[in-house]
Protein backbone atom coordinates (compact mmCIF):
# COMPACT_ATOMS: atom_id res chain seq x y z
CA MET A 1 -95.53 224.46 85.33
CA ARG A 2 -93.87 227.84 85.97
CA ASP A 3 -91.21 228.48 88.60
CA ALA A 4 -90.18 231.42 90.74
CA GLY A 5 -86.80 231.43 89.04
CA TYR A 6 -83.22 230.35 89.59
CA ASP A 7 -80.09 232.39 90.01
CA ALA A 8 -78.62 230.28 87.21
CA VAL A 9 -79.70 227.55 84.85
CA ILE A 10 -76.81 225.35 83.74
CA ILE A 11 -77.46 223.57 80.46
CA GLY A 12 -75.26 220.49 80.36
CA ALA A 13 -74.23 218.03 83.08
CA GLY A 14 -70.68 217.06 82.22
CA PRO A 15 -67.61 218.01 84.29
CA ALA A 16 -67.97 221.70 83.41
CA GLY A 17 -71.67 221.98 84.20
CA LEU A 18 -71.51 219.92 87.38
CA SER A 19 -68.49 221.88 88.60
CA ALA A 20 -70.34 225.16 88.05
CA ALA A 21 -73.34 223.79 89.95
CA LEU A 22 -71.14 222.67 92.83
CA VAL A 23 -69.62 226.12 93.29
CA LEU A 24 -72.99 227.86 92.99
CA GLY A 25 -74.44 225.47 95.55
CA ARG A 26 -71.60 226.21 97.93
CA SER A 27 -72.33 229.91 97.35
CA ARG A 28 -75.97 229.30 98.39
CA ARG A 29 -77.17 230.27 94.94
CA SER A 30 -80.16 228.52 93.41
CA ALA A 31 -79.17 226.57 90.32
CA LEU A 32 -80.85 224.11 87.99
CA VAL A 33 -78.66 221.68 86.06
CA ILE A 34 -80.18 220.35 82.84
CA ASP A 35 -78.86 216.92 81.87
CA GLY A 36 -79.51 216.27 78.20
CA GLY A 37 -77.89 212.84 78.01
CA ALA A 38 -74.52 211.19 77.39
CA GLY A 39 -71.47 213.42 77.20
CA ARG A 40 -68.71 213.71 74.63
CA ASN A 41 -66.39 211.26 76.38
CA SER A 42 -69.05 208.71 77.36
CA SER A 43 -67.48 206.09 75.09
CA ALA A 44 -64.03 206.44 76.68
CA MET A 45 -62.67 203.60 78.80
CA GLY A 46 -61.57 206.03 81.50
CA VAL A 47 -60.85 209.62 82.48
CA HIS A 48 -57.15 210.33 82.97
CA GLY A 49 -55.07 213.22 84.22
CA LEU A 50 -57.68 214.25 86.79
CA LEU A 51 -56.14 214.10 90.25
CA ALA A 52 -57.76 211.52 92.56
CA CYS A 53 -59.99 210.29 89.72
CA ASP A 54 -57.40 208.85 87.32
CA GLY A 55 -58.92 205.89 85.48
CA MET A 56 -62.50 206.50 86.61
CA THR A 57 -65.04 205.90 83.85
CA PRO A 58 -66.86 208.99 82.53
CA ASP A 59 -70.21 207.62 83.72
CA ALA A 60 -68.82 207.02 87.21
CA LEU A 61 -67.40 210.54 87.34
CA ARG A 62 -70.76 212.03 86.39
CA THR A 63 -72.55 209.82 88.93
CA VAL A 64 -70.23 210.89 91.74
CA GLY A 65 -70.60 214.52 90.70
CA ARG A 66 -74.38 214.31 90.75
CA GLU A 67 -74.35 212.58 94.14
CA GLN A 68 -72.14 215.27 95.64
CA LEU A 69 -74.58 217.95 94.52
CA ARG A 70 -77.25 216.41 96.78
CA GLU A 71 -75.45 218.04 99.70
CA TYR A 72 -76.59 221.45 98.49
CA PRO A 73 -80.34 222.13 98.82
CA THR A 74 -80.34 225.07 96.40
CA VAL A 75 -79.09 222.92 93.50
CA HIS A 76 -81.53 220.84 91.46
CA LEU A 77 -80.99 218.45 88.57
CA ARG A 78 -83.38 217.72 85.75
CA GLU A 79 -83.13 215.30 82.85
CA ALA A 80 -84.56 217.16 79.88
CA ARG A 81 -83.87 218.62 76.47
CA VAL A 82 -83.85 222.39 76.09
CA ARG A 83 -85.88 223.69 73.17
CA ALA A 84 -85.01 227.38 73.39
CA VAL A 85 -83.65 230.13 75.62
CA GLY A 86 -85.12 233.61 75.45
CA GLY A 87 -84.99 236.87 77.34
CA GLU A 88 -82.04 238.88 78.57
CA ARG A 89 -79.71 239.23 81.53
CA GLY A 90 -81.70 239.01 84.73
CA GLY A 91 -84.78 237.57 83.03
CA PHE A 92 -84.08 234.53 80.88
CA THR A 93 -86.67 231.88 80.09
CA VAL A 94 -85.55 228.33 79.36
CA GLY A 95 -88.11 226.29 77.44
CA PHE A 96 -88.08 222.49 77.36
CA GLU A 97 -89.19 220.12 74.64
CA ASP A 98 -92.06 218.93 76.84
CA GLY A 99 -93.52 222.45 76.92
CA ASP A 100 -92.40 223.30 80.44
CA SER A 101 -90.24 226.35 81.19
CA VAL A 102 -88.14 227.87 83.97
CA HIS A 103 -86.70 231.32 84.61
CA ALA A 104 -83.12 232.29 85.37
CA ARG A 105 -81.09 235.38 86.10
CA ARG A 106 -78.05 233.88 84.37
CA ILE A 107 -77.42 231.10 81.84
CA VAL A 108 -74.40 228.80 81.85
CA LEU A 109 -73.94 226.82 78.63
CA ALA A 110 -72.08 223.54 79.12
CA THR A 111 -73.47 221.62 76.16
CA GLY A 112 -70.11 220.47 74.78
CA VAL A 113 -69.10 219.45 71.29
CA ILE A 114 -69.23 216.34 69.12
CA GLU A 115 -66.54 214.94 66.87
CA ASP A 116 -66.73 214.87 63.08
CA LEU A 117 -64.86 211.63 62.40
CA PRO A 118 -63.60 210.65 58.95
CA GLY A 119 -65.84 208.17 57.18
CA ILE A 120 -63.41 205.27 57.46
CA ALA A 121 -64.80 201.83 58.25
CA GLY A 122 -64.31 200.75 61.86
CA LEU A 123 -63.40 204.21 63.14
CA ALA A 124 -66.56 205.56 64.76
CA GLU A 125 -67.44 202.44 66.77
CA ARG A 126 -63.95 202.36 68.32
CA TRP A 127 -63.77 206.07 69.14
CA GLY A 128 -62.72 206.59 72.75
CA LYS A 129 -61.69 202.97 73.17
CA SER A 130 -58.89 202.16 70.72
CA VAL A 131 -59.28 205.11 68.34
CA LEU A 132 -58.14 208.07 70.40
CA GLY A 133 -57.60 211.80 70.24
CA CYS A 134 -55.53 212.85 73.23
CA PRO A 135 -52.09 211.40 74.04
CA TYR A 136 -52.11 212.92 77.52
CA CYS A 137 -55.40 211.20 78.25
CA HIS A 138 -54.82 207.81 76.66
CA ALA A 139 -51.28 207.15 75.37
CA TRP A 140 -50.00 205.77 78.67
CA GLU A 141 -52.35 202.80 78.39
CA VAL A 142 -50.86 201.83 75.00
CA ARG A 143 -47.24 202.76 75.73
CA ASP A 144 -44.50 200.66 74.14
CA GLN A 145 -46.95 199.19 71.63
CA PRO A 146 -47.18 199.94 67.90
CA LEU A 147 -49.33 203.03 67.25
CA ALA A 148 -50.79 204.60 64.12
CA VAL A 149 -51.72 208.22 63.46
CA LEU A 150 -54.40 208.95 60.88
CA ALA A 151 -53.67 212.27 59.19
CA THR A 152 -56.51 214.77 58.89
CA GLU A 153 -54.70 218.13 58.93
CA GLY A 154 -51.24 217.69 57.41
CA SER A 155 -48.35 219.31 59.29
CA GLN A 156 -50.12 219.18 62.65
CA ASP A 157 -50.44 215.43 62.24
CA VAL A 158 -46.72 215.18 61.56
CA LEU A 159 -46.03 216.83 64.91
CA PHE A 160 -48.66 214.59 66.52
CA ALA A 161 -46.97 211.45 65.21
CA ALA A 162 -43.54 212.73 66.23
CA GLN A 163 -44.82 213.53 69.72
CA LEU A 164 -46.21 210.01 70.14
CA THR A 165 -42.69 208.60 69.89
CA GLY A 166 -42.41 209.68 73.52
CA TRP A 167 -44.77 206.81 74.33
CA SER A 168 -43.81 204.29 71.65
CA SER A 169 -40.78 203.68 69.46
CA GLU A 170 -43.03 202.21 66.76
CA VAL A 171 -45.27 204.94 65.32
CA THR A 172 -46.68 204.98 61.79
CA LEU A 173 -48.20 208.08 60.18
CA CYS A 174 -50.93 207.18 57.70
CA THR A 175 -51.20 210.27 55.50
CA ASN A 176 -54.28 209.01 53.62
CA GLY A 177 -53.00 210.82 50.54
CA ILE A 178 -52.30 214.17 52.25
CA PRO A 179 -49.00 215.51 50.84
CA LEU A 180 -46.02 216.14 53.13
CA SER A 181 -43.51 218.97 52.85
CA GLY A 182 -39.76 218.52 53.00
CA GLU A 183 -39.81 219.95 56.52
CA ASP A 184 -42.49 217.43 57.51
CA GLU A 185 -40.43 214.55 56.17
CA ALA A 186 -37.34 215.75 58.03
CA ILE A 187 -39.23 215.76 61.33
CA LEU A 188 -40.52 212.24 60.72
CA VAL A 189 -37.05 210.96 59.87
CA LYS A 190 -35.59 212.58 62.98
CA ARG A 191 -38.16 210.86 65.21
CA ALA A 192 -38.04 207.56 63.27
CA VAL A 193 -41.73 207.69 62.36
CA ARG A 194 -42.79 205.32 59.60
CA VAL A 195 -44.99 206.71 56.82
CA ARG A 196 -47.75 205.15 54.73
CA THR A 197 -49.20 207.34 51.98
CA GLU A 198 -51.89 205.08 50.50
CA PRO A 199 -55.60 205.83 51.03
CA VAL A 200 -56.81 204.24 54.28
CA LEU A 201 -59.51 201.62 53.83
CA ALA A 202 -60.45 200.53 57.36
CA VAL A 203 -59.52 200.15 61.01
CA GLU A 204 -59.89 196.52 62.04
CA GLY A 205 -59.77 194.37 65.16
CA PRO A 206 -61.91 192.23 67.46
CA ASP A 207 -64.77 194.03 69.22
CA ASP A 208 -63.60 197.50 70.37
CA ALA A 209 -59.91 196.76 69.89
CA VAL A 210 -57.64 197.76 67.02
CA GLU A 211 -55.20 195.30 65.48
CA ARG A 212 -54.48 196.85 62.10
CA VAL A 213 -55.05 199.69 59.66
CA THR A 214 -55.75 198.49 56.13
CA PHE A 215 -55.17 200.36 52.89
CA ARG A 216 -56.57 200.35 49.40
CA ASP A 217 -53.19 199.03 48.25
CA GLY A 218 -50.35 197.41 50.16
CA GLU A 219 -49.93 195.52 53.40
CA PRO A 220 -51.81 196.52 56.57
CA VAL A 221 -50.10 198.26 59.49
CA ALA A 222 -50.28 196.45 62.82
CA CYS A 223 -51.13 198.70 65.77
CA ALA A 224 -52.66 198.65 69.24
CA ALA A 225 -54.33 202.05 68.86
CA VAL A 226 -55.06 204.72 66.28
CA PHE A 227 -54.72 208.42 67.11
CA LEU A 228 -56.19 211.30 65.15
CA HIS A 229 -57.12 214.96 65.46
CA ALA A 230 -60.88 215.03 64.86
CA THR A 231 -62.65 218.27 64.05
CA THR A 232 -65.62 219.15 66.23
CA GLN A 233 -68.90 221.02 66.08
CA GLN A 234 -71.25 222.39 68.71
CA ALA A 235 -73.37 219.59 70.17
CA ASP A 236 -76.29 221.99 70.52
CA PRO A 237 -77.18 225.12 68.49
CA LEU A 238 -78.23 227.09 71.60
CA ALA A 239 -75.10 229.26 71.69
CA ARG A 240 -75.55 230.30 68.08
CA LYS A 241 -79.27 230.92 68.54
CA LEU A 242 -78.55 233.11 71.57
CA GLY A 243 -76.21 235.23 69.46
CA CYS A 244 -72.92 234.15 71.00
CA VAL A 245 -69.89 234.96 68.85
CA LEU A 246 -68.19 231.86 67.46
CA LEU A 247 -64.49 231.64 66.66
CA GLU A 248 -63.12 230.16 63.43
CA ASP A 249 -63.07 226.64 64.86
CA GLY A 250 -66.69 226.95 66.01
CA SER A 251 -65.88 227.52 69.68
CA VAL A 252 -67.91 230.05 71.63
CA ARG A 253 -65.81 233.13 72.32
CA ILE A 254 -65.46 233.81 76.04
CA ASP A 255 -63.43 236.07 78.29
CA ASP A 256 -61.22 234.98 81.19
CA VAL A 257 -64.18 234.08 83.42
CA GLY A 258 -66.35 232.36 80.80
CA SER A 259 -68.61 235.28 79.91
CA THR A 260 -69.79 235.31 76.29
CA ASP A 261 -70.60 238.33 74.14
CA VAL A 262 -74.24 237.98 75.22
CA PRO A 263 -74.78 239.68 78.60
CA GLY A 264 -75.72 237.19 81.30
CA VAL A 265 -74.70 234.13 79.27
CA TYR A 266 -71.62 232.10 80.20
CA ALA A 267 -70.08 229.17 78.35
CA VAL A 268 -67.84 226.53 79.91
CA GLY A 269 -66.15 223.30 78.89
CA ASP A 270 -65.24 222.04 75.44
CA LEU A 271 -67.68 224.28 73.56
CA ALA A 272 -65.86 227.50 74.51
CA ARG A 273 -62.43 229.07 74.65
CA ARG A 274 -60.71 232.41 74.96
CA GLU A 275 -59.55 233.84 71.64
CA SER A 276 -55.95 233.68 72.87
CA SER A 277 -56.19 229.99 73.82
CA PRO A 278 -55.11 227.25 71.38
CA SER A 279 -57.84 225.45 69.50
CA GLY A 280 -58.54 221.84 70.41
CA MET A 281 -56.91 221.85 73.85
CA THR A 282 -59.85 220.34 75.71
CA PHE A 283 -59.51 218.16 78.80
CA VAL A 284 -61.82 217.03 81.60
CA VAL A 285 -59.72 218.85 84.18
CA THR A 286 -59.82 222.16 82.29
CA ALA A 287 -63.56 221.81 81.65
CA ALA A 288 -64.15 221.41 85.38
CA ALA A 289 -61.91 224.39 86.10
CA MET A 290 -63.84 226.52 83.61
CA GLY A 291 -67.08 225.63 85.37
CA PHE A 292 -65.59 226.61 88.73
CA VAL A 293 -64.33 229.99 87.48
CA ALA A 294 -67.57 230.85 85.67
CA ALA A 295 -69.63 230.03 88.76
CA THR A 296 -67.57 232.42 90.88
CA ALA A 297 -68.10 235.09 88.23
CA VAL A 298 -71.85 234.48 88.19
CA ASP A 299 -72.01 234.74 91.97
CA HIS A 300 -69.95 237.94 92.04
CA GLU A 301 -71.98 239.50 89.24
CA LEU A 302 -75.24 238.72 91.03
CA PHE A 303 -73.81 240.04 94.30
CA MET A 304 -72.82 243.35 92.70
CA GLU A 305 -76.24 243.55 91.06
CA GLU A 306 -77.92 243.04 94.42
CA LEU A 307 -75.95 245.96 95.89
CA GLU A 308 -77.50 248.39 93.44
């Protein structure tokens, strides 16, 4: 099957991709949203910090987003896996794993990232439930309970643990053997953060819950949740294959409106950031905002092109 072409093909159907599709639909632009499966936060108990949707599950948010797109006849959704994207601005071809293909004037990448979690027993299966990454998204639900921070980066984890004392007076930093500087130790003392330096053995608890962090030596630490800064990688190699410039942390480099270094290709959501933006500051609300802004840029760029 070949198609007459879309104004934009959006690869990824999380908050960023669906938001971009919504704005393009409202602009009467033809858009195809490619849904490749579960998103980064699909394991989370709820989405927080998003006005009017606080506590909604990620699946429910995606379902509502997809339903709202039905209002716009120029927007289509397709569940598929993208094999490759070729061509150039104004004439891209998106090929699917089933051999089908579609054409697009612009490409919006919203494929997200995946976490690289430490290989500690009990960690991966509790990620998003009781092993958490974002205090603004999840710390309220475990406020005033004992919390643990698993160090992965050193000084940044010290600040992370110190910051969590705003939600709990009982915070333990598990350094997992990572050395601390004198300045680090002073911060921890000032915020009354406990420290365990032994190698971490496991995160334990019934089902998805956390009750304790165990160590190779010494007594376990009781806690209701474990926080950590997990490194990430691109969930899909499409951006790299297209020639998009990647920053040191692996994010796709974009400008203020989401345009990449490849003409006609935009990137939105957790996979991309401006070079001046801090690494790792990814939230559902900002992903949706990035999709909105990029869609307006796509529409304006196409409009100016049509004037020529």
